[in-house]
Amino acid sequence: QKFFDGDIEGSRKLQLKAMELCHALFCEVNPIPVKKATELMGMTN
């Protein structure tokens, strides 16, 4: 949304902030890591 609102810097900051999280969520084949993440957050078992 920030990109489309013209806040390119805000969009860039969120993209770069998420990079290590993205990498961690794909350190094993999807959806193993994201399923683990939802478990840690109490959303699934």
Full PDB file with SEQRES, HELIX, SHEET, SSBOND, CRYST1, ORIGX, SCALE, CONECT and MASTER records, all heavy atoms in Angstrom:
SEQRES   1 A   45  GLN LYS PHE PHE ASP GLY ASP ILE GLU GLY SER ARG LYS          
SEQRES   2 A   45  LEU GLN LEU LYS ALA MET GLU LEU CYS HIS ALA LEU PHE          
SEQRES   3 A   45  CYS GLU VAL ASN PRO ILE PRO VAL LYS LYS ALA THR GLU          
SEQRES   4 A   45  LEU MET GLY MET THR ASN                                      
HELIX    1 AA1 ILE A    8  LYS A   17  1                                  10    
HELIX    2 AA2 MET A   19  ALA A   24  1                                   6    
HELIX    3 AA3 ILE A   32  LEU A   40  1                                   9    
CRYST1    1.000    1.000    1.000  90.00  90.00  90.00 P 1           1          
ORIGX1      1.000000  0.000000  0.000000        0.00000                         
ORIGX2      0.000000  1.000000  0.000000        0.00000                         
ORIGX3      0.000000  0.000000  1.000000        0.00000                         
SCALE1      1.000000  0.000000  0.000000        0.00000                         
SCALE2      0.000000  1.000000  0.000000        0.00000                         
SCALE3      0.000000  0.000000  1.000000        0.00000                         
ATOM      1  N   GLN A   1       0.819  -1.212   0.000  1.00  0.00           N  
ATOM      2  CA  GLN A   1       0.000   0.000   0.000  1.00  0.00           C  
ATOM      3  C   GLN A   1       0.856   1.268   0.000  1.00  0.00           C  
ATOM      4  O   GLN A   1       0.543   2.249  -0.684  1.00  0.00           O  
ATOM      5  CB  GLN A   1      -0.938   0.002   1.207  1.00  0.00           C  
ATOM      6  CG  GLN A   1      -1.994   1.096   1.145  1.00  0.00           C  
ATOM      7  CD  GLN A   1      -2.906   0.951  -0.069  1.00  0.00           C  
ATOM      8  OE1 GLN A   1      -3.499  -0.099  -0.291  1.00  0.00           O  
ATOM      9  NE2 GLN A   1      -2.997   2.001  -0.878  1.00  0.00           N  
ATOM     10  N   LYS A   2       1.940   1.235   0.776  1.00  0.00           N  
ATOM     11  CA  LYS A   2       2.827   2.403   0.812  1.00  0.00           C  
ATOM     12  C   LYS A   2       3.396   2.694  -0.582  1.00  0.00           C  
ATOM     13  O   LYS A   2       3.531   3.853  -0.984  1.00  0.00           O  
ATOM     14  CB  LYS A   2       3.960   2.186   1.822  1.00  0.00           C  
ATOM     15  CG  LYS A   2       3.544   2.344   3.274  1.00  0.00           C  
ATOM     16  CD  LYS A   2       4.711   2.081   4.215  1.00  0.00           C  
ATOM     17  CE  LYS A   2       4.292   2.183   5.668  1.00  0.00           C  
ATOM     18  NZ  LYS A   2       3.876   3.548   6.059  1.00  0.00           N  
ATOM     19  N   PHE A   3       3.730   1.634  -1.309  1.00  0.00           N  
ATOM     20  CA  PHE A   3       4.258   1.838  -2.665  1.00  0.00           C  
ATOM     21  C   PHE A   3       3.236   2.579  -3.521  1.00  0.00           C  
ATOM     22  O   PHE A   3       3.558   3.554  -4.196  1.00  0.00           O  
ATOM     23  CB  PHE A   3       4.616   0.496  -3.309  1.00  0.00           C  
ATOM     24  CG  PHE A   3       5.149   0.622  -4.712  1.00  0.00           C  
ATOM     25  CD1 PHE A   3       6.508   0.793  -4.936  1.00  0.00           C  
ATOM     26  CD2 PHE A   3       4.296   0.587  -5.803  1.00  0.00           C  
ATOM     27  CE1 PHE A   3       7.006   0.930  -6.230  1.00  0.00           C  
ATOM     28  CE2 PHE A   3       4.775   0.724  -7.100  1.00  0.00           C  
ATOM     29  CZ  PHE A   3       6.137   0.891  -7.313  1.00  0.00           C  
ATOM     30  N   PHE A   4       1.977   2.114  -3.472  1.00  0.00           N  
ATOM     31  CA  PHE A   4       0.949   2.729  -4.308  1.00  0.00           C  
ATOM     32  C   PHE A   4       0.540   4.110  -3.802  1.00  0.00           C  
ATOM     33  O   PHE A   4       0.012   4.923  -4.577  1.00  0.00           O  
ATOM     34  CB  PHE A   4      -0.261   1.804  -4.431  1.00  0.00           C  
ATOM     35  CG  PHE A   4       0.016   0.587  -5.273  1.00  0.00           C  
ATOM     36  CD1 PHE A   4      -0.139  -0.693  -4.756  1.00  0.00           C  
ATOM     37  CD2 PHE A   4       0.446   0.716  -6.581  1.00  0.00           C  
ATOM     38  CE1 PHE A   4       0.136  -1.807  -5.531  1.00  0.00           C  
ATOM     39  CE2 PHE A   4       0.718  -0.388  -7.367  1.00  0.00           C  
ATOM     40  CZ  PHE A   4       0.565  -1.658  -6.842  1.00  0.00           C  
ATOM     41  N   ASP A   5       0.785   4.368  -2.532  1.00  0.00           N  
ATOM     42  CA  ASP A   5       0.513   5.694  -1.988  1.00  0.00           C  
ATOM     43  C   ASP A   5       1.645   6.678  -2.274  1.00  0.00           C  
ATOM     44  O   ASP A   5       1.569   7.852  -1.906  1.00  0.00           O  
ATOM     45  CB  ASP A   5       0.304   5.608  -0.470  1.00  0.00           C  
ATOM     46  CG  ASP A   5      -1.011   4.946  -0.101  1.00  0.00           C  
ATOM     47  OD1 ASP A   5      -1.893   4.838  -0.977  1.00  0.00           O  
ATOM     48  OD2 ASP A   5      -1.155   4.526   1.073  1.00  0.00           O  
ATOM     49  N   GLY A   6       2.717   6.196  -2.890  1.00  0.00           N  
ATOM     50  CA  GLY A   6       3.843   7.054  -3.216  1.00  0.00           C  
ATOM     51  C   GLY A   6       4.920   7.116  -2.150  1.00  0.00           C  
ATOM     52  O   GLY A   6       5.914   7.822  -2.302  1.00  0.00           O  
ATOM     53  N   ASP A   7       4.741   6.336  -1.080  1.00  0.00           N  
ATOM     54  CA  ASP A   7       5.741   6.302  -0.007  1.00  0.00           C  
ATOM     55  C   ASP A   7       6.741   5.184  -0.313  1.00  0.00           C  
ATOM     56  O   ASP A   7       6.749   4.137   0.330  1.00  0.00           O  
ATOM     57  CB  ASP A   7       5.047   6.071   1.344  1.00  0.00           C  
ATOM     58  CG  ASP A   7       6.016   6.074   2.521  1.00  0.00           C  
ATOM     59  OD1 ASP A   7       7.211   6.387   2.308  1.00  0.00           O  
ATOM     60  OD2 ASP A   7       5.579   5.737   3.641  1.00  0.00           O  
ATOM     61  N   ILE A   8       7.575   5.413  -1.299  1.00  0.00           N  
ATOM     62  CA  ILE A   8       8.516   4.391  -1.738  1.00  0.00           C  
ATOM     63  C   ILE A   8       9.524   4.067  -0.640  1.00  0.00           C  
ATOM     64  O   ILE A   8       9.892   2.906  -0.435  1.00  0.00           O  
ATOM     65  CB  ILE A   8       9.257   4.842  -3.019  1.00  0.00           C  
ATOM     66  CG1 ILE A   8       8.250   5.277  -4.100  1.00  0.00           C  
ATOM     67  CG2 ILE A   8      10.146   3.712  -3.539  1.00  0.00           C  
ATOM     68  CD1 ILE A   8       7.240   4.229  -4.486  1.00  0.00           C  
ATOM     69  N   GLU A   9       9.949   5.077   0.094  1.00  0.00           N  
ATOM     70  CA  GLU A   9      10.912   4.854   1.168  1.00  0.00           C  
ATOM     71  C   GLU A   9      10.297   3.982   2.266  1.00  0.00           C  
ATOM     72  O   GLU A   9      10.949   3.082   2.795  1.00  0.00           O  
ATOM     73  CB  GLU A   9      11.377   6.190   1.754  1.00  0.00           C  
ATOM     74  CG  GLU A   9      12.350   6.066   2.923  1.00  0.00           C  
ATOM     75  CD  GLU A   9      13.673   5.420   2.542  1.00  0.00           C  
ATOM     76  OE1 GLU A   9      13.956   5.288   1.332  1.00  0.00           O  
ATOM     77  OE2 GLU A   9      14.433   5.046   3.462  1.00  0.00           O  
ATOM     78  N   GLY A  10       9.044   4.230   2.597  1.00  0.00           N  
ATOM     79  CA  GLY A  10       8.366   3.414   3.599  1.00  0.00           C  
ATOM     80  C   GLY A  10       8.208   1.978   3.147  1.00  0.00           C  
ATOM     81  O   GLY A  10       8.381   1.041   3.934  1.00  0.00           O  
ATOM     82  N   SER A  11       7.902   1.806   1.888  1.00  0.00           N  
ATOM     83  CA  SER A  11       7.776   0.474   1.315  1.00  0.00           C  
ATOM     84  C   SER A  11       9.121  -0.247   1.342  1.00  0.00           C  
ATOM     85  O   SER A  11       9.214  -1.424   1.699  1.00  0.00           O  
ATOM     86  CB  SER A  11       7.252   0.571  -0.126  1.00  0.00           C  
ATOM     87  OG  SER A  11       7.132  -0.699  -0.716  1.00  0.00           O  
ATOM     88  N   ARG A  12      10.172   0.490   0.968  1.00  0.00           N  
ATOM     89  CA  ARG A  12      11.519  -0.100   0.947  1.00  0.00           C  
ATOM     90  C   ARG A  12      11.941  -0.549   2.342  1.00  0.00           C  
ATOM     91  O   ARG A  12      12.511  -1.629   2.519  1.00  0.00           O  
ATOM     92  CB  ARG A  12      12.523   0.911   0.394  1.00  0.00           C  
ATOM     93  CG  ARG A  12      13.945   0.362   0.253  1.00  0.00           C  
ATOM     94  CD  ARG A  12      14.925   1.447  -0.180  1.00  0.00           C  
ATOM     95  NE  ARG A  12      15.105   2.451   0.844  1.00  0.00           N  
ATOM     96  CZ  ARG A  12      15.929   2.307   1.885  1.00  0.00           C  
ATOM     97  NH1 ARG A  12      16.647   1.201   2.018  1.00  0.00           N  
ATOM     98  NH2 ARG A  12      16.037   3.264   2.781  1.00  0.00           N  
ATOM     99  N   LYS A  13      11.648   0.265   3.345  1.00  0.00           N  
ATOM    100  CA  LYS A  13      12.028  -0.087   4.710  1.00  0.00           C  
ATOM    101  C   LYS A  13      11.351  -1.378   5.170  1.00  0.00           C  
ATOM    102  O   LYS A  13      11.981  -2.221   5.819  1.00  0.00           O  
ATOM    103  CB  LYS A  13      11.686   1.062   5.660  1.00  0.00           C  
ATOM    104  CG  LYS A  13      12.634   2.245   5.549  1.00  0.00           C  
ATOM    105  CD  LYS A  13      12.268   3.351   6.540  1.00  0.00           C  
ATOM    106  CE  LYS A  13      13.263   4.500   6.463  1.00  0.00           C  
ATOM    107  NZ  LYS A  13      12.895   5.601   7.401  1.00  0.00           N  
ATOM    108  N   LEU A  14      10.081  -1.535   4.833  1.00  0.00           N  
ATOM    109  CA  LEU A  14       9.373  -2.752   5.217  1.00  0.00           C  
ATOM    110  C   LEU A  14       9.911  -3.969   4.467  1.00  0.00           C  
ATOM    111  O   LEU A  14      10.020  -5.062   5.029  1.00  0.00           O  
ATOM    112  CB  LEU A  14       7.873  -2.597   4.969  1.00  0.00           C  
ATOM    113  CG  LEU A  14       7.116  -1.722   5.963  1.00  0.00           C  
ATOM    114  CD1 LEU A  14       5.679  -1.510   5.512  1.00  0.00           C  
ATOM    115  CD2 LEU A  14       7.146  -2.342   7.359  1.00  0.00           C  
ATOM    116  N   GLN A  15      10.259  -3.779   3.179  1.00  0.00           N  
ATOM    117  CA  GLN A  15      10.837  -4.888   2.414  1.00  0.00           C  
ATOM    118  C   GLN A  15      12.156  -5.332   3.024  1.00  0.00           C  
ATOM    119  O   GLN A  15      12.395  -6.529   3.244  1.00  0.00           O  
ATOM    120  CB  GLN A  15      11.049  -4.468   0.959  1.00  0.00           C  
ATOM    121  CG  GLN A  15      11.738  -5.505   0.080  1.00  0.00           C  
ATOM    122  CD  GLN A  15      10.850  -6.687  -0.259  1.00  0.00           C  
ATOM    123  OE1 GLN A  15      10.109  -6.669  -1.226  1.00  0.00           O  
ATOM    124  NE2 GLN A  15      10.930  -7.751   0.537  1.00  0.00           N  
ATOM    125  N   LEU A  16      13.018  -4.381   3.328  1.00  0.00           N  
ATOM    126  CA  LEU A  16      14.333  -4.733   3.872  1.00  0.00           C  
ATOM    127  C   LEU A  16      14.229  -5.270   5.298  1.00  0.00           C  
ATOM    128  O   LEU A  16      14.982  -6.172   5.683  1.00  0.00           O  
ATOM    129  CB  LEU A  16      15.256  -3.516   3.811  1.00  0.00           C  
ATOM    130  CG  LEU A  16      15.570  -3.004   2.401  1.00  0.00           C  
ATOM    131  CD1 LEU A  16      16.522  -1.821   2.470  1.00  0.00           C  
ATOM    132  CD2 LEU A  16      16.135  -4.101   1.514  1.00  0.00           C  
ATOM    133  N   LYS A  17      13.301  -4.747   6.067  1.00  0.00           N  
ATOM    134  CA  LYS A  17      13.091  -5.242   7.433  1.00  0.00           C  
ATOM    135  C   LYS A  17      12.714  -6.720   7.424  1.00  0.00           C  
ATOM    136  O   LYS A  17      13.097  -7.481   8.319  1.00  0.00           O  
ATOM    137  CB  LYS A  17      11.989  -4.432   8.117  1.00  0.00           C  
ATOM    138  CG  LYS A  17      11.668  -4.899   9.530  1.00  0.00           C  
ATOM    139  CD  LYS A  17      10.495  -4.114  10.118  1.00  0.00           C  
ATOM    140  CE  LYS A  17      10.136  -4.637  11.509  1.00  0.00           C  
ATOM    141  NZ  LYS A  17       8.954  -3.924  12.079  1.00  0.00           N  
ATOM    142  N   ALA A  18      11.972  -7.138   6.399  1.00  0.00           N  
ATOM    143  CA  ALA A  18      11.449  -8.507   6.350  1.00  0.00           C  
ATOM    144  C   ALA A  18      12.422  -9.509   5.736  1.00  0.00           C  
ATOM    145  O   ALA A  18      12.128 -10.711   5.718  1.00  0.00           O  
ATOM    146  CB  ALA A  18      10.141  -8.531   5.558  1.00  0.00           C  
ATOM    147  N   MET A  19      13.579  -9.069   5.261  1.00  0.00           N  
ATOM    148  CA  MET A  19      14.442  -9.965   4.492  1.00  0.00           C  
ATOM    149  C   MET A  19      14.887 -11.198   5.276  1.00  0.00           C  
ATOM    150  O   MET A  19      14.796 -12.331   4.788  1.00  0.00           O  
ATOM    151  CB  MET A  19      15.646  -9.204   3.949  1.00  0.00           C  
ATOM    152  CG  MET A  19      15.288  -8.198   2.866  1.00  0.00           C  
ATOM    153  SD  MET A  19      14.439  -8.911   1.438  1.00  0.00           S  
ATOM    154  CE  MET A  19      15.804  -9.764   0.655  1.00  0.00           C  
ATOM    155  N   GLU A  20      15.402 -11.017   6.491  1.00  0.00           N  
ATOM    156  CA  GLU A  20      15.878 -12.166   7.249  1.00  0.00           C  
ATOM    157  C   GLU A  20      14.719 -13.077   7.627  1.00  0.00           C  
ATOM    158  O   GLU A  20      14.853 -14.303   7.633  1.00  0.00           O  
ATOM    159  CB  GLU A  20      16.636 -11.734   8.502  1.00  0.00           C  
ATOM    160  CG  GLU A  20      17.139 -12.901   9.357  1.00  0.00           C  
ATOM    161  CD  GLU A  20      17.939 -13.958   8.582  1.00  0.00           C  
ATOM    162  OE1 GLU A  20      18.658 -13.594   7.622  1.00  0.00           O  
ATOM    163  OE2 GLU A  20      17.829 -15.154   8.934  1.00  0.00           O  
ATOM    164  N   LEU A  21      13.573 -12.504   7.923  1.00  0.00           N  
ATOM    165  CA  LEU A  21      12.389 -13.318   8.216  1.00  0.00           C  
ATOM    166  C   LEU A  21      11.994 -14.136   6.989  1.00  0.00           C  
ATOM    167  O   LEU A  21      11.687 -15.324   7.101  1.00  0.00           O  
ATOM    168  CB  LEU A  21      11.233 -12.413   8.647  1.00  0.00           C  
ATOM    169  CG  LEU A  21       9.934 -13.117   9.038  1.00  0.00           C  
ATOM    170  CD1 LEU A  21      10.148 -14.046  10.229  1.00  0.00           C  
ATOM    171  CD2 LEU A  21       8.840 -12.092   9.351  1.00  0.00           C  
ATOM    172  N   CYS A  22      12.039 -13.512   5.814  1.00  0.00           N  
ATOM    173  CA  CYS A  22      11.747 -14.244   4.568  1.00  0.00           C  
ATOM    174  C   CYS A  22      12.714 -15.410   4.387  1.00  0.00           C  
ATOM    175  O   CYS A  22      12.297 -16.528   4.053  1.00  0.00           O  
ATOM    176  CB  CYS A  22      11.840 -13.311   3.365  1.00  0.00           C  
ATOM    177  SG  CYS A  22      10.561 -12.045   3.275  1.00  0.00           S  
ATOM    178  N   HIS A  23      13.988 -15.151   4.605  1.00  0.00           N  
ATOM    179  CA  HIS A  23      14.993 -16.199   4.435  1.00  0.00           C  
ATOM    180  C   HIS A  23      14.765 -17.340   5.434  1.00  0.00           C  
ATOM    181  O   HIS A  23      14.893 -18.517   5.075  1.00  0.00           O  
ATOM    182  CB  HIS A  23      16.398 -15.618   4.598  1.00  0.00           C  
ATOM    183  CG  HIS A  23      16.776 -14.626   3.555  1.00  0.00           C  
ATOM    184  ND1 HIS A  23      16.317 -14.690   2.258  1.00  0.00           N  
ATOM    185  CD2 HIS A  23      17.579 -13.518   3.612  1.00  0.00           C  
ATOM    186  CE1 HIS A  23      16.821 -13.692   1.557  1.00  0.00           C  
ATOM    187  NE2 HIS A  23      17.583 -12.963   2.354  1.00  0.00           N  
ATOM    188  N   ALA A  24      14.419 -16.988   6.673  1.00  0.00           N  
ATOM    189  CA  ALA A  24      14.178 -18.014   7.687  1.00  0.00           C  
ATOM    190  C   ALA A  24      12.951 -18.849   7.346  1.00  0.00           C  
ATOM    191  O   ALA A  24      12.909 -20.060   7.608  1.00  0.00           O  
ATOM    192  CB  ALA A  24      14.009 -17.363   9.060  1.00  0.00           C  
ATOM    193  N   LEU A  25      11.960 -18.211   6.731  1.00  0.00           N  
ATOM    194  CA  LEU A  25      10.735 -18.931   6.364  1.00  0.00           C  
ATOM    195  C   LEU A  25      10.936 -19.840   5.158  1.00  0.00           C  
ATOM    196  O   LEU A  25      10.033 -20.606   4.808  1.00  0.00           O  
ATOM    197  CB  LEU A  25       9.603 -17.933   6.086  1.00  0.00           C  
ATOM    198  CG  LEU A  25       9.000 -17.262   7.323  1.00  0.00           C  
ATOM    199  CD1 LEU A  25       8.063 -16.136   6.914  1.00  0.00           C  
ATOM    200  CD2 LEU A  25       8.258 -18.279   8.186  1.00  0.00           C  
ATOM    201  N   PHE A  26      12.105 -19.739   4.532  1.00  0.00           N  
ATOM    202  CA  PHE A  26      12.406 -20.625   3.408  1.00  0.00           C  
ATOM    203  C   PHE A  26      13.714 -21.390   3.613  1.00  0.00           C  
ATOM    204  O   PHE A  26      14.286 -21.902   2.653  1.00  0.00           O  
ATOM    205  CB  PHE A  26      12.438 -19.824   2.103  1.00  0.00           C  
ATOM    206  CG  PHE A  26      11.067 -19.443   1.613  1.00  0.00           C  
ATOM    207  CD1 PHE A  26      10.470 -18.270   2.032  1.00  0.00           C  
ATOM    208  CD2 PHE A  26      10.356 -20.280   0.770  1.00  0.00           C  
ATOM    209  CE1 PHE A  26       9.199 -17.923   1.622  1.00  0.00           C  
ATOM    210  CE2 PHE A  26       9.079 -19.951   0.337  1.00  0.00           C  
ATOM    211  CZ  PHE A  26       8.494 -18.766   0.768  1.00  0.00           C  
ATOM    212  N   CYS A  27      14.161 -21.480   4.881  1.00  0.00           N  
ATOM    213  CA  CYS A  27      15.384 -22.243   5.143  1.00  0.00           C  
ATOM    214  C   CYS A  27      15.123 -23.742   5.052  1.00  0.00           C  
ATOM    215  O   CYS A  27      16.055 -24.540   4.966  1.00  0.00           O  
ATOM    216  CB  CYS A  27      15.992 -21.869   6.489  1.00  0.00           C  
ATOM    217  SG  CYS A  27      15.011 -22.324   7.926  1.00  0.00           S  
ATOM    218  N   GLU A  28      13.875 -24.146   5.103  1.00  0.00           N  
ATOM    219  CA  GLU A  28      13.431 -25.485   4.707  1.00  0.00           C  
ATOM    220  C   GLU A  28      12.284 -25.290   3.746  1.00  0.00           C  
ATOM    221  O   GLU A  28      11.728 -24.195   3.623  1.00  0.00           O  
ATOM    222  CB  GLU A  28      12.993 -26.315   5.929  1.00  0.00           C  
ATOM    223  CG  GLU A  28      14.139 -26.751   6.818  1.00  0.00           C  
ATOM    224  CD  GLU A  28      13.719 -27.741   7.900  1.00  0.00           C  
ATOM    225  OE1 GLU A  28      12.712 -28.469   7.709  1.00  0.00           O  
ATOM    226  OE2 GLU A  28      14.386 -27.775   8.948  1.00  0.00           O  
ATOM    227  N   VAL A  29      11.893 -26.359   3.080  1.00  0.00           N  
ATOM    228  CA  VAL A  29      10.878 -26.221   2.036  1.00  0.00           C  
ATOM    229  C   VAL A  29       9.559 -25.716   2.622  1.00  0.00           C  
ATOM    230  O   VAL A  29       9.126 -26.141   3.699  1.00  0.00           O  
ATOM    231  CB  VAL A  29      10.683 -27.564   1.291  1.00  0.00           C  
ATOM    232  CG1 VAL A  29      10.052 -28.624   2.192  1.00  0.00           C  
ATOM    233  CG2 VAL A  29       9.850 -27.376   0.026  1.00  0.00           C  
ATOM    234  N   ASN A  30       8.959 -24.747   1.937  1.00  0.00           N  
ATOM    235  CA  ASN A  30       7.638 -24.241   2.305  1.00  0.00           C  
ATOM    236  C   ASN A  30       6.599 -25.362   2.159  1.00  0.00           C  
ATOM    237  O   ASN A  30       6.626 -26.092   1.171  1.00  0.00           O  
ATOM    238  CB  ASN A  30       7.280 -23.072   1.374  1.00  0.00           C  
ATOM    239  CG  ASN A  30       5.931 -22.471   1.663  1.00  0.00           C  
ATOM    240  OD1 ASN A  30       5.605 -22.160   2.796  1.00  0.00           O  
ATOM    241  ND2 ASN A  30       5.129 -22.323   0.630  1.00  0.00           N  
ATOM    242  N   PRO A  31       5.687 -25.546   3.133  1.00  0.00           N  
ATOM    243  CA  PRO A  31       5.342 -24.657   4.243  1.00  0.00           C  
ATOM    244  C   PRO A  31       5.853 -25.101   5.622  1.00  0.00           C  
ATOM    245  O   PRO A  31       5.260 -24.720   6.636  1.00  0.00           O  
ATOM    246  CB  PRO A  31       3.822 -24.705   4.224  1.00  0.00           C  
ATOM    247  CG  PRO A  31       3.530 -26.141   3.882  1.00  0.00           C  
ATOM    248  CD  PRO A  31       4.609 -26.536   2.883  1.00  0.00           C  
ATOM    249  N   ILE A  32       6.928 -25.884   5.685  1.00  0.00           N  
ATOM    250  CA  ILE A  32       7.392 -26.349   6.991  1.00  0.00           C  
ATOM    251  C   ILE A  32       7.695 -25.179   7.938  1.00  0.00           C  
ATOM    252  O   ILE A  32       7.174 -25.135   9.060  1.00  0.00           O  
ATOM    253  CB  ILE A  32       8.608 -27.284   6.838  1.00  0.00           C  
ATOM    254  CG1 ILE A  32       8.182 -28.616   6.177  1.00  0.00           C  
ATOM    255  CG2 ILE A  32       9.244 -27.570   8.196  1.00  0.00           C  
ATOM    256  CD1 ILE A  32       9.354 -29.533   5.847  1.00  0.00           C  
ATOM    257  N   PRO A  33       8.520 -24.194   7.529  1.00  0.00           N  
ATOM    258  CA  PRO A  33       8.837 -23.117   8.468  1.00  0.00           C  
ATOM    259  C   PRO A  33       7.637 -22.247   8.845  1.00  0.00           C  
ATOM    260  O   PRO A  33       7.486 -21.870  10.010  1.00  0.00           O  
ATOM    261  CB  PRO A  33       9.904 -22.307   7.725  1.00  0.00           C  
ATOM    262  CG  PRO A  33      10.508 -23.273   6.759  1.00  0.00           C  
ATOM    263  CD  PRO A  33       9.358 -24.101   6.308  1.00  0.00           C  
ATOM    264  N   VAL A  34       6.796 -21.895   7.879  1.00  0.00           N  
ATOM    265  CA  VAL A  34       5.671 -21.019   8.208  1.00  0.00           C  
ATOM    266  C   VAL A  34       4.657 -21.753   9.078  1.00  0.00           C  
ATOM    267  O   VAL A  34       3.994 -21.145   9.937  1.00  0.00           O  
ATOM    268  CB  VAL A  34       5.010 -20.438   6.938  1.00  0.00           C  
ATOM    269  CG1 VAL A  34       4.191 -21.481   6.187  1.00  0.00           C  
ATOM    270  CG2 VAL A  34       4.147 -19.222   7.298  1.00  0.00           C  
ATOM    271  N   LYS A  35       4.553 -23.065   8.913  1.00  0.00           N  
ATOM    272  CA  LYS A  35       3.664 -23.839   9.791  1.00  0.00           C  
ATOM    273  C   LYS A  35       4.223 -23.827  11.217  1.00  0.00           C  
ATOM    274  O   LYS A  35       3.479 -23.721  12.200  1.00  0.00           O  
ATOM    275  CB  LYS A  35       3.561 -25.271   9.246  1.00  0.00           C  
ATOM    276  CG  LYS A  35       2.237 -26.016   9.473  1.00  0.00           C  
ATOM    277  CD  LYS A  35       1.054 -25.376   8.839  1.00  0.00           C  
ATOM    278  CE  LYS A  35      -0.236 -26.152   8.977  1.00  0.00           C  
ATOM    279  NZ  LYS A  35      -0.289 -27.438   8.312  1.00  0.00           N  
ATOM    280  N   LYS A  36       5.540 -23.916  11.343  1.00  0.00           N  
ATOM    281  CA  LYS A  36       6.178 -23.820  12.658  1.00  0.00           C  
ATOM    282  C   LYS A  36       5.952 -22.426  13.249  1.00  0.00           C  
ATOM    283  O   LYS A  36       5.682 -22.285  14.451  1.00  0.00           O  
ATOM    284  CB  LYS A  36       7.671 -24.116  12.551  1.00  0.00           C  
ATOM    285  CG  LYS A  36       8.476 -23.891  13.821  1.00  0.00           C  
ATOM    286  CD  LYS A  36       7.981 -24.732  14.994  1.00  0.00           C  
ATOM    287  CE  LYS A  36       8.316 -26.209  14.811  1.00  0.00           C  
ATOM    288  NZ  LYS A  36       7.961 -26.989  16.024  1.00  0.00           N  
ATOM    289  N   ALA A  37       6.061 -21.396  12.416  1.00  0.00           N  
ATOM    290  CA  ALA A  37       5.848 -20.032  12.892  1.00  0.00           C  
ATOM    291  C   ALA A  37       4.423 -19.837  13.410  1.00  0.00           C  
ATOM    292  O   ALA A  37       4.216 -19.210  14.455  1.00  0.00           O  
ATOM    293  CB  ALA A  37       6.147 -19.032  11.778  1.00  0.00           C  
ATOM    294  N   THR A  38       3.439 -20.373  12.699  1.00  0.00           N  
ATOM    295  CA  THR A  38       2.051 -20.240  13.162  1.00  0.00           C  
ATOM    296  C   THR A  38       1.838 -21.029  14.454  1.00  0.00           C  
ATOM    297  O   THR A  38       1.020 -20.644  15.291  1.00  0.00           O  
ATOM    298  CB  THR A  38       1.045 -20.699  12.092  1.00  0.00           C  
ATOM    299  OG1 THR A  38       1.278 -22.075  11.746  1.00  0.00           O  
ATOM    300  CG2 THR A  38       1.143 -19.840  10.837  1.00  0.00           C  
ATOM    301  N   GLU A  39       2.591 -22.114  14.617  1.00  0.00           N  
ATOM    302  CA  GLU A  39       2.528 -22.858  15.882  1.00  0.00           C  
ATOM    303  C   GLU A  39       3.098 -22.016  17.023  1.00  0.00           C  
ATOM    304  O   GLU A  39       2.503 -21.916  18.103  1.00  0.00           O  
ATOM    305  CB  GLU A  39       3.306 -24.163  15.755  1.00  0.00           C  
ATOM    306  CG  GLU A  39       3.349 -24.970  17.055  1.00  0.00           C  
ATOM    307  CD  GLU A  39       4.274 -26.171  16.979  1.00  0.00           C  
ATOM    308  OE1 GLU A  39       4.877 -26.406  15.904  1.00  0.00           O  
ATOM    309  OE2 GLU A  39       4.411 -26.877  17.998  1.00  0.00           O  
ATOM    310  N   LEU A  40       4.254 -21.409  16.799  1.00  0.00           N  
ATOM    311  CA  LEU A  40       4.887 -20.586  17.821  1.00  0.00           C  
ATOM    312  C   LEU A  40       3.984 -19.430  18.233  1.00  0.00           C  
ATOM    313  O   LEU A  40       3.976 -19.016  19.405  1.00  0.00           O  
ATOM    314  CB  LEU A  40       6.222 -20.044  17.306  1.00  0.00           C  
ATOM    315  CG  LEU A  40       7.339 -21.076  17.103  1.00  0.00           C  
ATOM    316  CD1 LEU A  40       8.480 -20.465  16.298  1.00  0.00           C  
ATOM    317  CD2 LEU A  40       7.851 -21.590  18.446  1.00  0.00           C  
ATOM    318  N   MET A  41       3.198 -18.926  17.291  1.00  0.00           N  
ATOM    319  CA  MET A  41       2.306 -17.804  17.568  1.00  0.00           C  
ATOM    320  C   MET A  41       0.957 -18.247  18.121  1.00  0.00           C  
ATOM    321  O   MET A  41       0.091 -17.411  18.396  1.00  0.00           O  
ATOM    322  CB  MET A  41       2.109 -16.988  16.285  1.00  0.00           C  
ATOM    323  CG  MET A  41       3.380 -16.319  15.784  1.00  0.00           C  
ATOM    324  SD  MET A  41       3.194 -15.553  14.151  1.00  0.00           S  
ATOM    325  CE  MET A  41       2.067 -14.203  14.527  1.00  0.00           C  
ATOM    326  N   GLY A  42       0.775 -19.566  18.272  1.00  0.00           N  
ATOM    327  CA  GLY A  42      -0.470 -20.089  18.827  1.00  0.00           C  
ATOM    328  C   GLY A  42      -1.631 -20.098  17.856  1.00  0.00           C  
ATOM    329  O   GLY A  42      -2.790 -20.226  18.264  1.00  0.00           O  
ATOM    330  N   MET A  43      -1.348 -20.018  16.554  1.00  0.00           N  
ATOM    331  CA  MET A  43      -2.396 -19.971  15.542  1.00  0.00           C  
ATOM    332  C   MET A  43      -2.773 -21.360  15.036  1.00  0.00           C  
ATOM    333  O   MET A  43      -3.899 -21.589  14.599  1.00  0.00           O  
ATOM    334  CB  MET A  43      -1.945 -19.095  14.372  1.00  0.00           C  
ATOM    335  CG  MET A  43      -1.657 -17.663  14.781  1.00  0.00           C  
ATOM    336  SD  MET A  43      -0.693 -16.755  13.553  1.00  0.00           S  
ATOM    337  CE  MET A  43      -1.826 -16.684  12.186  1.00  0.00           C  
ATOM    338  N   THR A  44      -1.804 -22.276  15.028  1.00  0.00           N  
ATOM    339  CA  THR A  44      -2.040 -23.675  14.653  1.00  0.00           C  
ATOM    340  C   THR A  44      -1.205 -24.546  15.593  1.00  0.00           C  
ATOM    341  O   THR A  44      -0.402 -24.031  16.374  1.00  0.00           O  
ATOM    342  CB  THR A  44      -1.614 -23.982  13.198  1.00  0.00           C  
ATOM    343  OG1 THR A  44      -0.172 -24.024  13.120  1.00  0.00           O  
ATOM    344  CG2 THR A  44      -2.139 -22.942  12.218  1.00  0.00           C  
ATOM    345  N   ASN A  45      -1.390 -25.855  15.476  1.00  0.00           N  
ATOM    346  CA  ASN A  45      -0.546 -26.765  16.268  1.00  0.00           C  
ATOM    347  C   ASN A  45       0.704 -27.180  15.499  1.00  0.00           C  
ATOM    348  O   ASN A  45       1.503 -27.981  15.991  1.00  0.00           O  
ATOM    349  CB  ASN A  45      -1.335 -27.997  16.718  1.00  0.00           C  
ATOM    350  CG  ASN A  45      -1.893 -28.793  15.550  1.00  0.00           C  
ATOM    351  OD1 ASN A  45      -1.487 -28.604  14.403  1.00  0.00           O  
ATOM    352  ND2 ASN A  45      -2.834 -29.683  15.818  1.00  0.00           N  
TER     353      ASN A  45                                                      
MASTER        0    0    0    3    0    0    0    6  352    1    0    4          
END                                                                             
